[in-house]
Amino acid sequence: MYSIEKMDYGFRIVLGGVVGVEEARKWLKEFRALVEEAGEPFNVFVDMRTLIPFSDEAQEPLQEGQRFARELGMIRSVVILRDNLTTLQLIRLARETGIYNTERYISSLDNPDWEQQGLDWLLEGKEPTG
């Protein structure tokens, strides 16, 4: 399951449950169209609290989306997660696609103020705590 919402700061994406390769490709197509339509620098808030780790095949469209976002003006991104396996997977993908230095990861289990801290990172560059 996924959703993409246009926000004042850029995009809010929710990825949850099992996201297979076909759904990941559908997400990529929709995200690409929205980013191209926006035509301006943007930030991305990603809520992955309920996501089951991606299969190898489903990782490819996600990586393509990360590369595409970086190339078309993504300034910062923040990912909200609940488990270590998904966190490690996302860190590896971000390193491979070149967005690691501008992406932050916040555990919703360890940080009850995850949403505000994510927005503070996107809007002010303020590092999340905890």
C-alpha atoms as a PDB file:
ATOM      1  CA  MET A   1       0.000   0.000   0.000  1.00  0.00           C
ATOM      2  CA  TYR A   2       1.247   3.468  -0.820  1.00  0.00           C
ATOM      3  CA  SER A   3       0.065   7.042  -1.043  1.00  0.00           C
ATOM      4  CA  ILE A   4       1.690  10.241  -2.257  1.00  0.00           C
ATOM      5  CA  GLU A   5       0.452  13.642  -1.186  1.00  0.00           C
ATOM      6  CA  LYS A   6       1.685  17.020  -2.432  1.00  0.00           C
ATOM      7  CA  MET A   7       2.560  19.272   0.503  1.00  0.00           C
ATOM      8  CA  ASP A   8       3.862  22.859   0.870  1.00  0.00           C
ATOM      9  CA  TYR A   9       7.372  21.471   1.502  1.00  0.00           C
ATOM     10  CA  GLY A  10       7.263  18.840  -1.257  1.00  0.00           C
ATOM     11  CA  PHE A  11       5.803  15.351  -0.881  1.00  0.00           C
ATOM     12  CA  ARG A  12       4.534  13.101   1.884  1.00  0.00           C
ATOM     13  CA  ILE A  13       4.747   9.421   0.979  1.00  0.00           C
ATOM     14  CA  VAL A  14       3.331   6.507   2.932  1.00  0.00           C
ATOM     15  CA  LEU A  15       4.575   3.005   2.139  1.00  0.00           C
ATOM     16  CA  GLY A  16       3.081   0.237   4.237  1.00  0.00           C
ATOM     17  CA  GLY A  17       2.529  -3.488   4.411  1.00  0.00           C
ATOM     18  CA  VAL A  18       3.993  -5.557   1.602  1.00  0.00           C
ATOM     19  CA  VAL A  19       4.945  -3.477  -1.428  1.00  0.00           C
ATOM     20  CA  GLY A  20       5.602  -5.837  -4.319  1.00  0.00           C
ATOM     21  CA  VAL A  21       7.438  -5.061  -7.533  1.00  0.00           C
ATOM     22  CA  GLU A  22       4.305  -4.095  -9.513  1.00  0.00           C
ATOM     23  CA  GLU A  23       3.106  -1.730  -6.820  1.00  0.00           C
ATOM     24  CA  ALA A  24       6.626  -0.276  -6.496  1.00  0.00           C
ATOM     25  CA  ARG A  25       6.654   0.376 -10.251  1.00  0.00           C
ATOM     26  CA  LYS A  26       3.234   2.032 -10.023  1.00  0.00           C
ATOM     27  CA  TRP A  27       4.512   4.206  -7.148  1.00  0.00           C
ATOM     28  CA  LEU A  28       7.569   5.196  -9.216  1.00  0.00           C
ATOM     29  CA  LYS A  29       5.446   6.212 -12.202  1.00  0.00           C
ATOM     30  CA  GLU A  30       3.132   8.334 -10.050  1.00  0.00           C
ATOM     31  CA  PHE A  31       5.979   9.897  -8.043  1.00  0.00           C
ATOM     32  CA  ARG A  32       7.942  10.720 -11.207  1.00  0.00           C
ATOM     33  CA  ALA A  33       4.898  12.461 -12.745  1.00  0.00           C
ATOM     34  CA  LEU A  34       4.278  14.537  -9.599  1.00  0.00           C
ATOM     35  CA  VAL A  35       7.925  15.575  -9.285  1.00  0.00           C
ATOM     36  CA  GLU A  36       8.139  16.556 -12.953  1.00  0.00           C
ATOM     37  CA  GLU A  37       4.897  18.522 -12.652  1.00  0.00           C
ATOM     38  CA  ALA A  38       6.143  20.395  -9.560  1.00  0.00           C
ATOM     39  CA  GLY A  39       9.275  21.564 -11.375  1.00  0.00           C
ATOM     40  CA  GLU A  40      10.922  23.037  -8.279  1.00  0.00           C
ATOM     41  CA  PRO A  41      13.196  21.953  -5.405  1.00  0.00           C
ATOM     42  CA  PHE A  42      11.361  19.851  -2.829  1.00  0.00           C
ATOM     43  CA  ASN A  43      11.619  17.795   0.361  1.00  0.00           C
ATOM     44  CA  VAL A  44      10.208  14.325   0.977  1.00  0.00           C
ATOM     45  CA  PHE A  45       8.645  12.959   4.180  1.00  0.00           C
ATOM     46  CA  VAL A  46       8.328   9.151   4.019  1.00  0.00           C
ATOM     47  CA  ASP A  47       6.258   7.196   6.551  1.00  0.00           C
ATOM     48  CA  MET A  48       7.315   3.537   6.506  1.00  0.00           C
ATOM     49  CA  ARG A  49       6.167   2.588   9.997  1.00  0.00           C
ATOM     50  CA  THR A  50       4.129  -0.377   8.787  1.00  0.00           C
ATOM     51  CA  LEU A  51       6.310  -1.414   5.849  1.00  0.00           C
ATOM     52  CA  ILE A  52       7.499  -5.007   5.504  1.00  0.00           C
ATOM     53  CA  PRO A  53      11.084  -4.983   4.102  1.00  0.00           C
ATOM     54  CA  PHE A  54      11.239  -4.785   0.307  1.00  0.00           C
ATOM     55  CA  SER A  55      12.016  -7.810  -1.842  1.00  0.00           C
ATOM     56  CA  ASP A  56      15.114  -7.479  -4.038  1.00  0.00           C
ATOM     57  CA  GLU A  57      12.916  -6.868  -7.088  1.00  0.00           C
ATOM     58  CA  ALA A  58      10.813  -4.187  -5.387  1.00  0.00           C
ATOM     59  CA  GLN A  59      13.959  -2.322  -4.291  1.00  0.00           C
ATOM     60  CA  GLU A  60      14.844  -1.444  -7.888  1.00  0.00           C
ATOM     61  CA  PRO A  61      11.936   0.985  -8.519  1.00  0.00           C
ATOM     62  CA  LEU A  62      12.554   2.558  -5.102  1.00  0.00           C
ATOM     63  CA  GLN A  63      16.211   3.137  -5.964  1.00  0.00           C
ATOM     64  CA  GLU A  64      15.224   4.597  -9.325  1.00  0.00           C
ATOM     65  CA  GLY A  65      12.840   6.960  -7.520  1.00  0.00           C
ATOM     66  CA  GLN A  66      15.590   8.039  -5.119  1.00  0.00           C
ATOM     67  CA  ARG A  67      17.996   8.758  -7.981  1.00  0.00           C
ATOM     68  CA  PHE A  68      15.300  10.588  -9.902  1.00  0.00           C
ATOM     69  CA  ALA A  69      14.374  12.708  -6.864  1.00  0.00           C
ATOM     70  CA  ARG A  70      18.018  13.661  -6.279  1.00  0.00           C
ATOM     71  CA  GLU A  71      18.493  14.621  -9.929  1.00  0.00           C
ATOM     72  CA  LEU A  72      15.319  16.747 -10.041  1.00  0.00           C
ATOM     73  CA  GLY A  73      15.974  18.828  -6.944  1.00  0.00           C
ATOM     74  CA  MET A  74      15.242  16.919  -3.741  1.00  0.00           C
ATOM     75  CA  ILE A  75      16.776  18.957  -0.928  1.00  0.00           C
ATOM     76  CA  ARG A  76      16.169  16.715   2.095  1.00  0.00           C
ATOM     77  CA  SER A  77      14.235  13.602   2.996  1.00  0.00           C
ATOM     78  CA  VAL A  78      13.220  11.947   6.225  1.00  0.00           C
ATOM     79  CA  VAL A  79      12.071   8.365   6.712  1.00  0.00           C
ATOM     80  CA  ILE A  80       9.998   7.255   9.697  1.00  0.00           C
ATOM     81  CA  LEU A  81      10.486   3.575  10.550  1.00  0.00           C
ATOM     82  CA  ARG A  82       9.678   1.035  13.264  1.00  0.00           C
ATOM     83  CA  ASP A  83      12.120  -1.829  12.811  1.00  0.00           C
ATOM     84  CA  ASN A  84      15.860  -2.265  12.427  1.00  0.00           C
ATOM     85  CA  LEU A  85      15.746  -4.508   9.348  1.00  0.00           C
ATOM     86  CA  THR A  86      13.838  -1.979   7.259  1.00  0.00           C
ATOM     87  CA  THR A  87      16.048   0.823   8.591  1.00  0.00           C
ATOM     88  CA  LEU A  88      19.215  -0.999   7.550  1.00  0.00           C
ATOM     89  CA  GLN A  89      17.718  -1.743   4.139  1.00  0.00           C
ATOM     90  CA  LEU A  90      16.849   1.921   3.576  1.00  0.00           C
ATOM     91  CA  ILE A  91      20.274   3.135   4.700  1.00  0.00           C
ATOM     92  CA  ARG A  92      21.952   0.760   2.234  1.00  0.00           C
ATOM     93  CA  LEU A  93      19.680   1.907  -0.600  1.00  0.00           C
ATOM     94  CA  ALA A  94      20.303   5.583   0.211  1.00  0.00           C
ATOM     95  CA  ARG A  95      24.063   5.052   0.138  1.00  0.00           C
ATOM     96  CA  GLU A  96      23.800   3.282  -3.214  1.00  0.00           C
ATOM     97  CA  THR A  97      21.688   6.064  -4.759  1.00  0.00           C
ATOM     98  CA  GLY A  98      23.609   9.023  -3.337  1.00  0.00           C
ATOM     99  CA  ILE A  99      20.921  10.489  -1.074  1.00  0.00           C
ATOM    100  CA  TYR A 100      22.315   9.252   2.249  1.00  0.00           C
ATOM    101  CA  ASN A 101      23.838  12.613   3.265  1.00  0.00           C
ATOM    102  CA  THR A 102      20.519  14.431   2.920  1.00  0.00           C
ATOM    103  CA  GLU A 103      18.257  11.724   4.383  1.00  0.00           C
ATOM    104  CA  ARG A 104      17.499  11.151   8.061  1.00  0.00           C
ATOM    105  CA  TYR A 105      15.926   8.109   9.735  1.00  0.00           C
ATOM    106  CA  ILE A 106      13.691   8.365  12.778  1.00  0.00           C
ATOM    107  CA  SER A 107      12.348   5.438  14.788  1.00  0.00           C
ATOM    108  CA  SER A 108       8.716   5.988  15.740  1.00  0.00           C
ATOM    109  CA  LEU A 109       9.191   3.507  18.582  1.00  0.00           C
ATOM    110  CA  ASP A 110      12.079   5.416  20.135  1.00  0.00           C
ATOM    111  CA  ASN A 111      10.896   8.923  19.364  1.00  0.00           C
ATOM    112  CA  PRO A 112       7.312   9.941  20.224  1.00  0.00           C
ATOM    113  CA  ASP A 113       7.922  13.332  18.568  1.00  0.00           C
ATOM    114  CA  TRP A 114       8.894  11.712  15.236  1.00  0.00           C
ATOM    115  CA  GLU A 115       6.583  13.757  13.037  1.00  0.00           C
ATOM    116  CA  GLN A 116       7.660  17.167  14.309  1.00  0.00           C
ATOM    117  CA  GLN A 117      11.333  16.198  14.261  1.00  0.00           C
ATOM    118  CA  GLY A 118      10.967  14.977  10.691  1.00  0.00           C
ATOM    119  CA  LEU A 119       9.394  18.261   9.650  1.00  0.00           C
ATOM    120  CA  ASP A 120      12.084  20.223  11.514  1.00  0.00           C
ATOM    121  CA  TRP A 121      14.738  18.367   9.488  1.00  0.00           C
ATOM    122  CA  LEU A 122      12.949  19.047   6.200  1.00  0.00           C
ATOM    123  CA  LEU A 123      12.110  22.688   6.812  1.00  0.00           C
ATOM    124  CA  GLU A 124      14.999  23.904   8.971  1.00  0.00           C
ATOM    125  CA  GLY A 125      17.778  21.344   8.615  1.00  0.00           C
ATOM    126  CA  LYS A 126      17.524  20.658  12.344  1.00  0.00           C
ATOM    127  CA  GLU A 127      18.954  17.214  13.148  1.00  0.00           C
ATOM    128  CA  PRO A 128      16.514  14.772  14.767  1.00  0.00           C
ATOM    129  CA  THR A 129      17.309  13.608  18.294  1.00  0.00           C
ATOM    130  CA  GLY A 130      16.813  10.204  19.815  1.00  0.00           C
END
